[in-house]
């Protein structure tokens, strides 16, 4: 750590993708905050946000799009899904999961699958594996809401932007970069971190209120397409570089 701090003194400027991480790394590596420039994440938007949101009247579909591992909090979402199914009826909810699964975390997913089986929810759950861009777009368009309730303070959250770019609102823990993403895009709600009960309540709120869900999704999509695209990110990055040339 000492060597890393020392080498940081040789750098003229740094780029972070969120205010949260800029503040964190400033203290962690003892870098003056004014040497860290925040450039918002940007995604390539081709194919995103063209479908008209038409929810299934009978089934509310909850999605998760991230690496399958404890750190990303899938176990919290599975627990929240169970609570929600008990509250509204198992036939009214469905959980779809996509993302890379490494050998280390296969027992983790197997354990969650067993839990769902014990709760008689196996047929209300689908893991579709890792997805390419085409399948990712189709996956997002099939959702009513997305949640990746990380147990750590996420400095990025690309999956939030991808969901919002498709008009899908999000329910995320109130830590890391999520509060600033939600505030900037208006595309979701925040819940208490590490709390399946709070997560279930947040998802239930959007399930019950179609108008709110549609408003958040529409607002989030507009903001992401305007402010979080790859061209905006490239221009902002170039402006930082120009300050040091």
Protein backbone atom coordinates (compact mmCIF):
# COMPACT_ATOMS: atom_id res chain seq x y z
CA UNK A 1 0.00 0.00 0.00
CA UNK A 2 2.83 2.37 0.83
CA UNK A 3 4.40 1.84 -2.59
CA UNK A 4 1.06 2.39 -4.30
CA UNK A 5 0.55 5.68 -2.46
CA UNK A 6 4.06 6.74 -3.38
CA UNK A 7 3.58 5.97 -7.08
CA UNK A 8 0.32 7.94 -7.09
CA UNK A 9 2.37 11.06 -6.52
CA UNK A 10 3.84 10.59 -10.01
CA UNK A 11 0.40 10.80 -11.64
CA UNK A 12 -0.90 14.20 -12.77
CA UNK A 13 -4.56 13.29 -12.72
CA UNK A 14 -6.97 10.42 -12.22
CA UNK A 15 -10.37 9.47 -13.62
CA UNK A 16 -13.11 7.83 -11.56
CA UNK A 17 -16.53 6.79 -12.81
CA UNK A 18 -18.51 7.97 -9.78
CA UNK A 19 -18.34 10.60 -7.06
CA UNK A 20 -18.55 7.82 -4.50
CA UNK A 21 -15.40 6.15 -5.76
CA UNK A 22 -13.54 9.42 -6.27
CA UNK A 23 -14.18 10.31 -2.62
CA UNK A 24 -13.29 6.82 -1.43
CA UNK A 25 -10.05 6.46 -3.37
CA UNK A 26 -8.99 10.00 -2.46
CA UNK A 27 -8.92 8.99 1.19
CA UNK A 28 -7.71 5.45 0.61
CA UNK A 29 -4.64 6.40 -1.40
CA UNK A 30 -4.21 9.91 0.03
CA UNK A 31 -4.78 11.64 -3.30
CA UNK A 32 -5.94 15.25 -3.31
CA UNK A 33 -9.59 15.18 -4.36
CA UNK A 34 -9.08 17.87 -7.00
CA UNK A 35 -6.70 15.52 -8.86
CA UNK A 36 -9.52 13.01 -9.38
CA UNK A 37 -11.95 13.79 -12.19
CA UNK A 38 -15.32 12.08 -12.39
CA UNK A 39 -16.34 10.92 -15.85
CA UNK A 40 -19.75 9.28 -15.85
CA UNK A 41 -20.03 5.82 -17.35
CA UNK A 42 -21.33 5.59 -20.86
CA UNK A 43 -22.73 2.60 -22.73
CA UNK A 44 -23.15 1.88 -26.43
CA UNK A 45 -26.88 2.34 -26.96
CA UNK A 46 -27.46 0.60 -30.28
CA UNK A 47 -30.47 -1.68 -29.84
CA UNK A 48 -31.48 -0.33 -26.44
CA UNK A 49 -34.84 1.19 -25.63
CA UNK A 50 -36.77 0.57 -28.82
CA UNK A 51 -39.39 -1.77 -27.42
CA UNK A 52 -42.63 -0.41 -25.98
CA UNK A 53 -43.13 -1.48 -22.38
CA UNK A 54 -46.09 -3.86 -22.21
CA UNK A 55 -46.11 -5.76 -18.92
CA UNK A 56 -47.53 -9.25 -18.61
CA UNK A 57 -50.79 -8.80 -16.72
CA UNK A 58 -50.44 -12.12 -14.96
CA UNK A 59 -46.72 -12.36 -14.11
CA UNK A 60 -44.33 -9.80 -12.66
CA UNK A 61 -40.79 -10.60 -13.81
CA UNK A 62 -37.81 -9.66 -11.65
CA UNK A 63 -34.37 -9.71 -13.25
CA UNK A 64 -30.75 -9.98 -12.15
CA UNK A 65 -27.91 -9.31 -14.61
CA UNK A 66 -24.43 -9.70 -13.14
CA UNK A 67 -21.78 -12.25 -12.24
CA UNK A 68 -23.20 -15.06 -10.11
CA UNK A 69 -21.41 -14.67 -6.77
CA UNK A 70 -22.13 -13.72 -3.14
CA UNK A 71 -20.66 -10.25 -3.59
CA UNK A 72 -23.33 -9.32 -6.13
CA UNK A 73 -26.05 -10.32 -3.67
CA UNK A 74 -28.07 -12.86 -5.62
CA UNK A 75 -28.86 -14.65 -2.34
CA UNK A 76 -30.48 -11.46 -1.05
CA UNK A 77 -32.63 -11.23 -4.16
CA UNK A 78 -33.62 -14.89 -3.92
CA UNK A 79 -34.65 -14.34 -0.29
CA UNK A 80 -36.62 -11.23 -1.26
CA UNK A 81 -38.23 -13.15 -4.11
CA UNK A 82 -39.37 -15.83 -1.66
CA UNK A 83 -40.87 -13.19 0.64
CA UNK A 84 -42.64 -11.55 -2.27
CA UNK A 85 -44.02 -14.87 -3.54
CA UNK A 86 -45.46 -15.59 -0.11
CA UNK A 87 -47.07 -12.16 -0.02
CA UNK A 88 -48.63 -12.00 -3.49
CA UNK A 89 -48.78 -15.64 -4.59
CA UNK A 90 -46.10 -17.70 -6.32
CA UNK A 91 -47.92 -17.70 -9.65
CA UNK A 92 -47.75 -13.91 -9.87
CA UNK A 93 -43.94 -13.55 -9.78
CA UNK A 94 -40.98 -14.89 -11.74
CA UNK A 95 -37.23 -14.50 -11.22
CA UNK A 96 -34.90 -14.45 -14.25
CA UNK A 97 -31.14 -14.48 -13.74
CA UNK A 98 -28.36 -13.96 -16.27
CA UNK A 99 -24.62 -13.65 -15.84
CA UNK A 100 -21.27 -15.40 -15.80
CA UNK A 101 -20.91 -18.32 -13.41
CA UNK A 102 -17.38 -19.39 -12.52
CA UNK A 103 -16.37 -22.77 -11.13
CA UNK A 104 -15.78 -21.28 -7.67
CA UNK A 105 -19.36 -20.05 -7.39
CA UNK A 106 -21.22 -23.03 -8.83
CA UNK A 107 -21.93 -24.44 -5.33
CA UNK A 108 -23.35 -21.01 -4.41
CA UNK A 109 -25.89 -21.17 -7.25
CA UNK A 110 -26.62 -24.82 -6.49
CA UNK A 111 -27.43 -23.87 -2.89
CA UNK A 112 -29.78 -21.11 -4.02
CA UNK A 113 -31.47 -23.51 -6.44
CA UNK A 114 -32.02 -25.95 -3.57
CA UNK A 115 -33.53 -23.17 -1.46
CA UNK A 116 -35.94 -22.33 -4.26
CA UNK A 117 -36.83 -26.00 -4.57
CA UNK A 118 -37.54 -26.21 -0.83
CA UNK A 119 -39.81 -23.17 -1.17
CA UNK A 120 -41.62 -24.75 -4.15
CA UNK A 121 -40.37 -21.96 -6.42
CA UNK A 122 -38.14 -23.90 -8.84
CA UNK A 123 -40.60 -23.43 -11.67
CA UNK A 124 -40.75 -19.69 -10.97
CA UNK A 125 -36.99 -19.28 -11.50
CA UNK A 126 -34.78 -19.40 -14.58
CA UNK A 127 -31.01 -19.08 -14.91
CA UNK A 128 -30.18 -18.48 -18.56
CA UNK A 129 -26.41 -18.25 -18.18
CA UNK A 130 -24.00 -15.75 -19.65
CA UNK A 131 -25.51 -13.68 -22.45
CA UNK A 132 -24.13 -12.00 -25.54
CA UNK A 133 -25.35 -8.56 -26.56
CA UNK A 134 -28.35 -9.80 -28.55
CA UNK A 135 -29.54 -12.07 -25.74
CA UNK A 136 -28.87 -9.37 -23.16
CA UNK A 137 -31.17 -6.94 -24.96
CA UNK A 138 -33.90 -9.59 -25.21
CA UNK A 139 -33.42 -10.48 -21.54
CA UNK A 140 -33.79 -6.87 -20.39
CA UNK A 141 -36.87 -6.30 -22.52
CA UNK A 142 -38.54 -9.27 -20.79
CA UNK A 143 -38.26 -7.72 -17.31
CA UNK A 144 -40.55 -5.55 -15.20
CA UNK A 145 -37.79 -4.58 -12.77
CA UNK A 146 -34.08 -5.30 -12.25
CA UNK A 147 -32.15 -5.62 -9.01
CA UNK A 148 -28.52 -6.47 -8.28
CA UNK A 149 -28.31 -5.98 -4.49
CA UNK A 150 -24.54 -6.01 -4.04
CA UNK A 151 -23.14 -6.61 -0.57
CA UNK A 152 -20.17 -4.35 -1.32
CA UNK A 153 -20.19 -0.68 -2.26
CA UNK A 154 -20.35 -0.85 -6.04
CA UNK A 155 -18.29 1.92 -7.71
CA UNK A 156 -19.84 1.47 -11.18
CA UNK A 157 -23.12 -0.36 -11.80
CA UNK A 158 -23.23 -0.79 -15.58
CA UNK A 159 -26.19 -3.15 -15.24
CA UNK A 160 -28.23 -0.26 -13.82
CA UNK A 161 -27.56 1.81 -16.93
CA UNK A 162 -28.32 -1.14 -19.22
CA UNK A 163 -31.64 -1.79 -17.51
CA UNK A 164 -32.63 1.86 -17.61
CA UNK A 165 -31.56 2.15 -21.25
CA UNK A 166 -34.19 -0.51 -21.90
CA UNK A 167 -36.81 1.35 -19.87
CA UNK A 168 -36.63 -1.12 -16.97
CA UNK A 169 -36.66 0.52 -13.50
CA UNK A 170 -34.27 -0.71 -10.82
CA UNK A 171 -34.36 -1.40 -7.08
CA UNK A 172 -30.90 -1.04 -5.56
CA UNK A 173 -29.25 -0.82 -2.12
CA UNK A 174 -28.53 2.69 -0.88
CA UNK A 175 -24.75 2.50 -0.96
CA UNK A 176 -21.80 2.89 -3.30
CA UNK A 177 -22.54 4.59 -6.60
CA UNK A 178 -26.21 3.61 -6.63
CA UNK A 179 -27.60 6.70 -4.83
CA UNK A 180 -25.98 9.09 -7.31
CA UNK A 181 -27.07 6.95 -10.27
CA UNK A 182 -30.66 6.89 -9.08
CA UNK A 183 -30.63 10.61 -8.29
CA UNK A 184 -29.16 11.49 -11.69
CA UNK A 185 -31.43 9.26 -13.75
CA UNK A 186 -34.60 9.12 -11.68
CA UNK A 187 -34.94 5.54 -12.83
CA UNK A 188 -35.48 3.56 -9.66
CA UNK A 189 -35.73 3.38 -5.91
CA UNK A 190 -33.24 2.73 -3.12
CA UNK A 191 -33.66 0.25 -0.27
CA UNK A 192 -31.78 -0.64 2.87
CA UNK A 193 -28.58 -2.57 2.06
CA UNK A 194 -28.25 -6.24 3.06
CA UNK A 195 -31.97 -6.47 3.87
CA UNK A 196 -34.08 -8.99 1.93
CA UNK A 197 -37.17 -7.60 3.68
CA UNK A 198 -36.48 -4.04 2.52
CA UNK A 199 -35.64 -5.32 -0.96
CA UNK A 200 -38.89 -7.27 -1.15
CA UNK A 201 -40.84 -4.21 -0.02
CA UNK A 202 -39.19 -2.05 -2.67
CA UNK A 203 -39.93 -4.51 -5.45
CA UNK A 204 -43.48 -4.93 -4.15
CA UNK A 205 -43.98 -1.16 -4.32
CA UNK A 206 -43.17 -1.15 -8.03
CA UNK A 207 -45.20 -4.29 -8.62
CA UNK A 208 -48.31 -2.65 -7.23
CA UNK A 209 -47.86 0.71 -8.95
CA UNK A 210 -47.71 0.35 -12.72
CA UNK A 211 -47.80 4.11 -13.27
CA UNK A 212 -44.79 4.66 -11.01
CA UNK A 213 -42.95 1.78 -12.66
CA UNK A 214 -43.61 3.14 -16.13
CA UNK A 215 -42.64 6.67 -15.06
CA UNK A 216 -39.34 5.55 -13.55
CA UNK A 217 -38.52 3.40 -16.56
CA UNK A 218 -39.35 6.16 -19.05
CA UNK A 219 -37.48 8.82 -17.09
CA UNK A 220 -34.46 6.57 -16.58
CA UNK A 221 -34.32 5.63 -20.23
CA UNK A 222 -34.38 9.27 -21.35
CA UNK A 223 -31.60 10.26 -18.94
CA UNK A 224 -29.35 7.34 -19.85
CA UNK A 225 -29.78 7.95 -23.58
CA UNK A 226 -28.99 11.62 -23.06
CA UNK A 227 -26.22 11.59 -20.43
CA UNK A 228 -24.79 8.07 -20.14
CA UNK A 229 -23.95 7.11 -23.70
CA UNK A 230 -20.47 6.24 -24.95
CA UNK A 231 -20.09 9.47 -26.95
CA UNK A 232 -20.74 11.63 -23.87
CA UNK A 233 -18.23 9.57 -21.90
CA UNK A 234 -15.59 9.83 -24.66
CA UNK A 235 -16.00 13.62 -24.89
CA UNK A 236 -15.75 14.03 -21.11
CA UNK A 237 -12.64 11.83 -21.00
CA UNK A 238 -11.02 13.86 -23.76
CA UNK A 239 -11.67 17.09 -21.84
CA UNK A 240 -9.84 15.65 -18.83
CA UNK A 241 -6.88 14.65 -21.00
CA UNK A 242 -6.75 18.12 -22.56
CA UNK A 243 -6.27 19.67 -19.13
CA UNK A 244 -2.95 17.90 -18.81
CA UNK A 245 -1.57 18.22 -22.34
